[in-house]
N, C-alpha and C. Protein backbone atom coordinates (compact mmCIF):
# COMPACT_ATOMS: atom_id res chain seq x y z
N MET A 1 0.84 -1.18 0.00
CA MET A 1 0.00 0.00 0.00
C MET A 1 0.89 1.25 0.00
N ILE A 2 0.48 2.26 -0.75
CA ILE A 2 1.23 3.52 -0.85
C ILE A 2 0.93 4.40 0.36
N ASP A 3 1.98 4.91 0.97
CA ASP A 3 1.84 5.85 2.08
C ASP A 3 1.84 7.26 1.49
N PHE A 4 0.63 7.79 1.21
CA PHE A 4 0.52 9.08 0.54
C PHE A 4 1.05 10.23 1.39
N GLN A 5 0.91 10.14 2.70
CA GLN A 5 1.43 11.18 3.58
C GLN A 5 2.95 11.27 3.44
N LYS A 6 3.61 10.12 3.44
CA LYS A 6 5.06 10.09 3.28
C LYS A 6 5.46 10.58 1.89
N LEU A 7 4.69 10.22 0.89
CA LEU A 7 4.96 10.65 -0.47
C LEU A 7 4.89 12.17 -0.58
N LEU A 8 3.88 12.79 0.06
CA LEU A 8 3.77 14.24 0.05
C LEU A 8 4.97 14.89 0.72
N ILE A 9 5.39 14.33 1.84
CA ILE A 9 6.54 14.87 2.56
C ILE A 9 7.80 14.77 1.74
N LEU A 10 7.95 13.68 0.99
CA LEU A 10 9.15 13.51 0.16
C LEU A 10 9.24 14.56 -0.93
N HIS A 11 8.12 15.12 -1.34
CA HIS A 11 8.12 16.10 -2.41
C HIS A 11 7.94 17.53 -1.90
N ALA A 12 8.25 17.74 -0.66
CA ALA A 12 8.12 19.06 -0.06
C ALA A 12 9.43 19.83 -0.20
N MET A 13 9.39 21.07 0.26
CA MET A 13 10.53 21.97 0.10
C MET A 13 10.82 22.70 1.41
N LEU A 14 12.05 23.16 1.52
CA LEU A 14 12.44 24.07 2.61
C LEU A 14 12.29 25.49 2.09
N TYR A 15 11.89 26.39 2.98
CA TYR A 15 11.83 27.80 2.60
C TYR A 15 12.51 28.61 3.69
N ILE A 16 13.08 29.73 3.28
CA ILE A 16 13.74 30.64 4.21
C ILE A 16 13.25 32.04 3.88
N ILE A 17 12.63 32.68 4.87
CA ILE A 17 12.12 34.03 4.68
C ILE A 17 12.71 34.93 5.77
N GLN A 18 12.66 36.23 5.51
CA GLN A 18 13.23 37.19 6.46
C GLN A 18 12.33 38.41 6.57
N GLU A 19 12.23 38.94 7.77
CA GLU A 19 11.51 40.20 7.97
C GLU A 19 12.23 41.31 7.20
N LYS A 20 11.46 42.13 6.52
CA LYS A 20 12.05 43.21 5.73
C LYS A 20 12.62 44.31 6.62
N ASP A 21 11.98 44.52 7.77
CA ASP A 21 12.39 45.59 8.68
C ASP A 21 13.04 44.99 9.93
N PRO A 22 13.78 45.82 10.69
CA PRO A 22 14.41 45.32 11.92
C PRO A 22 13.39 44.65 12.83
N PRO A 23 13.78 43.58 13.48
CA PRO A 23 15.13 43.06 13.65
C PRO A 23 15.59 42.08 12.57
N HIS A 24 14.87 41.99 11.45
CA HIS A 24 15.27 41.17 10.30
C HIS A 24 15.40 39.68 10.64
N ARG A 25 14.53 39.19 11.51
CA ARG A 25 14.60 37.77 11.88
C ARG A 25 14.36 36.89 10.65
N ILE A 26 14.93 35.69 10.69
CA ILE A 26 14.86 34.74 9.58
C ILE A 26 14.09 33.51 10.04
N LYS A 27 13.19 33.03 9.18
CA LYS A 27 12.43 31.82 9.48
C LYS A 27 12.86 30.71 8.54
N ILE A 28 13.17 29.55 9.10
CA ILE A 28 13.50 28.35 8.33
C ILE A 28 12.33 27.40 8.50
N GLY A 29 11.67 27.06 7.40
CA GLY A 29 10.50 26.20 7.47
C GLY A 29 10.48 25.15 6.39
N PHE A 30 9.45 24.32 6.45
CA PHE A 30 9.29 23.18 5.57
C PHE A 30 7.82 23.10 5.18
N SER A 31 7.54 22.87 3.90
CA SER A 31 6.16 22.77 3.46
C SER A 31 6.07 22.02 2.14
N LYS A 32 4.96 21.33 1.94
CA LYS A 32 4.73 20.70 0.64
C LYS A 32 4.33 21.74 -0.39
N ASP A 33 3.89 22.90 0.07
CA ASP A 33 3.52 24.02 -0.81
C ASP A 33 4.10 25.30 -0.21
N PRO A 34 5.42 25.52 -0.39
CA PRO A 34 6.06 26.66 0.28
C PRO A 34 5.48 28.01 -0.12
N HIS A 35 5.06 28.17 -1.36
CA HIS A 35 4.51 29.47 -1.76
C HIS A 35 3.22 29.77 -1.00
N LYS A 36 2.37 28.78 -0.85
CA LYS A 36 1.13 28.96 -0.10
C LYS A 36 1.43 29.20 1.38
N ARG A 37 2.40 28.46 1.92
CA ARG A 37 2.78 28.62 3.33
C ARG A 37 3.34 30.03 3.59
N ILE A 38 4.18 30.51 2.69
CA ILE A 38 4.75 31.85 2.84
C ILE A 38 3.65 32.90 2.77
N GLN A 39 2.69 32.74 1.87
CA GLN A 39 1.56 33.68 1.79
C GLN A 39 0.80 33.70 3.11
N HIS A 40 0.59 32.52 3.69
CA HIS A 40 -0.13 32.42 4.95
C HIS A 40 0.64 33.15 6.08
N ILE A 41 1.95 32.94 6.12
CA ILE A 41 2.77 33.59 7.15
C ILE A 41 2.77 35.10 6.97
N THR A 42 2.95 35.56 5.74
CA THR A 42 3.04 37.00 5.50
C THR A 42 1.69 37.69 5.73
N ALA A 43 0.59 36.98 5.50
CA ALA A 43 -0.72 37.57 5.73
C ALA A 43 -0.94 37.87 7.21
N GLY A 44 -0.37 37.06 8.08
CA GLY A 44 -0.54 37.25 9.51
C GLY A 44 0.60 38.00 10.18
N ALA A 45 1.58 38.40 9.41
CA ALA A 45 2.76 39.06 9.99
C ALA A 45 2.53 40.55 10.16
N SER A 46 3.21 41.12 11.14
CA SER A 46 3.10 42.55 11.40
C SER A 46 3.97 43.38 10.47
N GLN A 47 4.81 42.72 9.69
CA GLN A 47 5.65 43.43 8.73
C GLN A 47 5.86 42.58 7.48
N HIS A 48 6.39 43.20 6.45
CA HIS A 48 6.61 42.49 5.19
C HIS A 48 7.74 41.47 5.33
N MET A 49 7.63 40.42 4.55
CA MET A 49 8.64 39.36 4.53
C MET A 49 9.28 39.30 3.15
N VAL A 50 10.53 38.88 3.14
CA VAL A 50 11.27 38.69 1.90
C VAL A 50 11.63 37.22 1.79
N VAL A 51 11.37 36.62 0.64
CA VAL A 51 11.75 35.22 0.42
C VAL A 51 13.23 35.20 0.08
N LEU A 52 14.03 34.52 0.89
CA LEU A 52 15.47 34.42 0.65
C LEU A 52 15.82 33.19 -0.16
N LYS A 53 15.08 32.10 0.09
CA LYS A 53 15.44 30.86 -0.59
C LYS A 53 14.31 29.85 -0.46
N ILE A 54 14.09 29.12 -1.54
CA ILE A 54 13.25 27.93 -1.54
C ILE A 54 14.11 26.84 -2.17
N MET A 55 14.22 25.72 -1.49
CA MET A 55 15.13 24.67 -1.96
C MET A 55 14.56 23.29 -1.65
N GLU A 56 15.06 22.31 -2.35
CA GLU A 56 14.66 20.94 -2.07
C GLU A 56 15.10 20.56 -0.67
N GLY A 57 14.28 19.79 0.00
CA GLY A 57 14.60 19.32 1.33
C GLY A 57 13.39 18.69 1.97
N ASP A 58 13.63 17.95 3.01
CA ASP A 58 12.52 17.29 3.70
C ASP A 58 12.51 17.71 5.16
N ILE A 59 11.62 17.12 5.91
CA ILE A 59 11.47 17.50 7.32
C ILE A 59 12.74 17.21 8.12
N GLU A 60 13.47 16.17 7.73
CA GLU A 60 14.74 15.87 8.41
C GLU A 60 15.77 16.96 8.13
N ASP A 61 15.79 17.49 6.92
CA ASP A 61 16.70 18.59 6.59
C ASP A 61 16.34 19.84 7.41
N GLU A 62 15.04 20.08 7.57
CA GLU A 62 14.61 21.22 8.37
C GLU A 62 15.10 21.05 9.81
N LYS A 63 14.91 19.87 10.38
CA LYS A 63 15.38 19.60 11.75
C LYS A 63 16.89 19.78 11.84
N TRP A 64 17.61 19.34 10.84
CA TRP A 64 19.07 19.47 10.78
C TRP A 64 19.47 20.95 10.86
N LEU A 65 18.81 21.78 10.04
CA LEU A 65 19.12 23.21 10.03
C LEU A 65 18.76 23.87 11.37
N HIS A 66 17.63 23.47 11.94
CA HIS A 66 17.24 24.02 13.24
C HIS A 66 18.28 23.68 14.31
N THR A 67 18.82 22.49 14.25
CA THR A 67 19.86 22.09 15.20
C THR A 67 21.16 22.85 14.94
N PHE A 68 21.56 22.90 13.68
CA PHE A 68 22.83 23.54 13.33
C PHE A 68 22.85 25.02 13.70
N PHE A 69 21.73 25.72 13.48
CA PHE A 69 21.68 27.16 13.75
C PHE A 69 21.00 27.47 15.09
N SER A 70 20.91 26.50 15.99
CA SER A 70 20.21 26.69 17.26
C SER A 70 20.81 27.83 18.09
N GLY A 71 22.09 28.10 17.94
CA GLY A 71 22.71 29.20 18.68
C GLY A 71 22.20 30.57 18.25
N SER A 72 21.56 30.63 17.09
CA SER A 72 21.02 31.89 16.57
C SER A 72 19.51 32.00 16.78
N ARG A 73 18.90 30.98 17.38
CA ARG A 73 17.44 30.93 17.52
C ARG A 73 16.93 32.08 18.38
N VAL A 74 15.84 32.68 17.94
CA VAL A 74 15.16 33.72 18.71
C VAL A 74 14.48 33.04 19.89
N GLU A 75 14.68 33.57 21.07
CA GLU A 75 14.13 32.95 22.28
C GLU A 75 12.62 32.80 22.17
N GLY A 76 12.15 31.60 22.43
CA GLY A 76 10.72 31.31 22.41
C GLY A 76 10.15 31.06 21.03
N LYS A 77 10.98 31.08 20.01
CA LYS A 77 10.52 30.88 18.62
C LYS A 77 11.30 29.72 18.02
N ARG A 78 10.62 28.62 17.77
CA ARG A 78 11.28 27.39 17.32
C ARG A 78 11.91 27.51 15.92
N GLU A 79 11.29 28.25 15.02
CA GLU A 79 11.77 28.31 13.63
C GLU A 79 12.31 29.68 13.22
N TRP A 80 12.48 30.58 14.18
CA TRP A 80 12.94 31.94 13.88
C TRP A 80 14.35 32.15 14.42
N TYR A 81 15.18 32.83 13.62
CA TYR A 81 16.60 32.99 13.93
C TYR A 81 17.03 34.43 13.72
N LEU A 82 18.04 34.83 14.49
CA LEU A 82 18.67 36.13 14.28
C LEU A 82 19.53 36.04 13.03
N PRO A 83 19.66 37.12 12.28
CA PRO A 83 20.42 37.08 11.03
C PRO A 83 21.93 37.14 11.26
N THR A 84 22.46 36.09 11.87
CA THR A 84 23.91 36.05 12.15
C THR A 84 24.69 35.92 10.85
N LEU A 85 25.96 36.27 10.91
CA LEU A 85 26.83 36.16 9.74
C LEU A 85 26.87 34.71 9.24
N GLU A 86 26.97 33.76 10.16
CA GLU A 86 27.03 32.34 9.79
C GLU A 86 25.77 31.92 9.02
N LEU A 87 24.61 32.31 9.50
CA LEU A 87 23.36 31.95 8.84
C LEU A 87 23.25 32.64 7.49
N ARG A 88 23.57 33.93 7.43
CA ARG A 88 23.50 34.67 6.16
C ARG A 88 24.45 34.08 5.12
N GLU A 89 25.66 33.71 5.55
CA GLU A 89 26.61 33.13 4.61
C GLU A 89 26.09 31.80 4.08
N TRP A 90 25.48 30.99 4.95
CA TRP A 90 24.95 29.71 4.48
C TRP A 90 23.81 29.94 3.48
N ILE A 91 22.95 30.89 3.77
CA ILE A 91 21.83 31.18 2.86
C ILE A 91 22.35 31.57 1.48
N ASP A 92 23.46 32.29 1.45
CA ASP A 92 24.02 32.76 0.19
C ASP A 92 24.86 31.71 -0.54
N THR A 93 24.97 30.50 0.01
CA THR A 93 25.77 29.46 -0.63
C THR A 93 24.92 28.63 -1.59
N ASP A 94 25.48 27.52 -2.00
CA ASP A 94 24.85 26.68 -3.00
C ASP A 94 23.91 25.61 -2.44
N ASN A 95 23.30 25.88 -1.30
CA ASN A 95 22.28 25.02 -0.71
C ASN A 95 22.78 23.72 -0.10
N ILE A 96 24.05 23.61 0.17
CA ILE A 96 24.57 22.42 0.81
C ILE A 96 24.27 22.50 2.31
N LEU A 97 23.74 21.41 2.87
CA LEU A 97 23.47 21.42 4.30
C LEU A 97 24.79 21.40 5.06
N PRO A 98 24.93 22.24 6.06
CA PRO A 98 26.18 22.30 6.83
C PRO A 98 26.39 21.04 7.68
N ASP A 99 27.63 20.76 7.99
CA ASP A 99 27.94 19.63 8.86
C ASP A 99 27.69 20.01 10.32
N LEU A 100 27.14 19.08 11.08
CA LEU A 100 26.93 19.33 12.51
C LEU A 100 28.23 19.16 13.26
């Protein structure tokens, strides 16, 4: 039997967005429909968001990035990060997941 839920997850994407205005926090997320998810987030946000990157990846890759950049995490926000030099440099690279 086909596990459709797993199939959907396998074809999902990672997205990275950033607040346009200070403090310029960055969100690392995962969605099977990143464009729709980003629209949903920006509709409820108090400020404009900028899409920095949409890339192939799965929920495990998202968890990996959350762990790797945990030192930059905004307190109380699981998927939001301060725009540290390390995070910005990774975003500007060729989408290779960093080593833990």
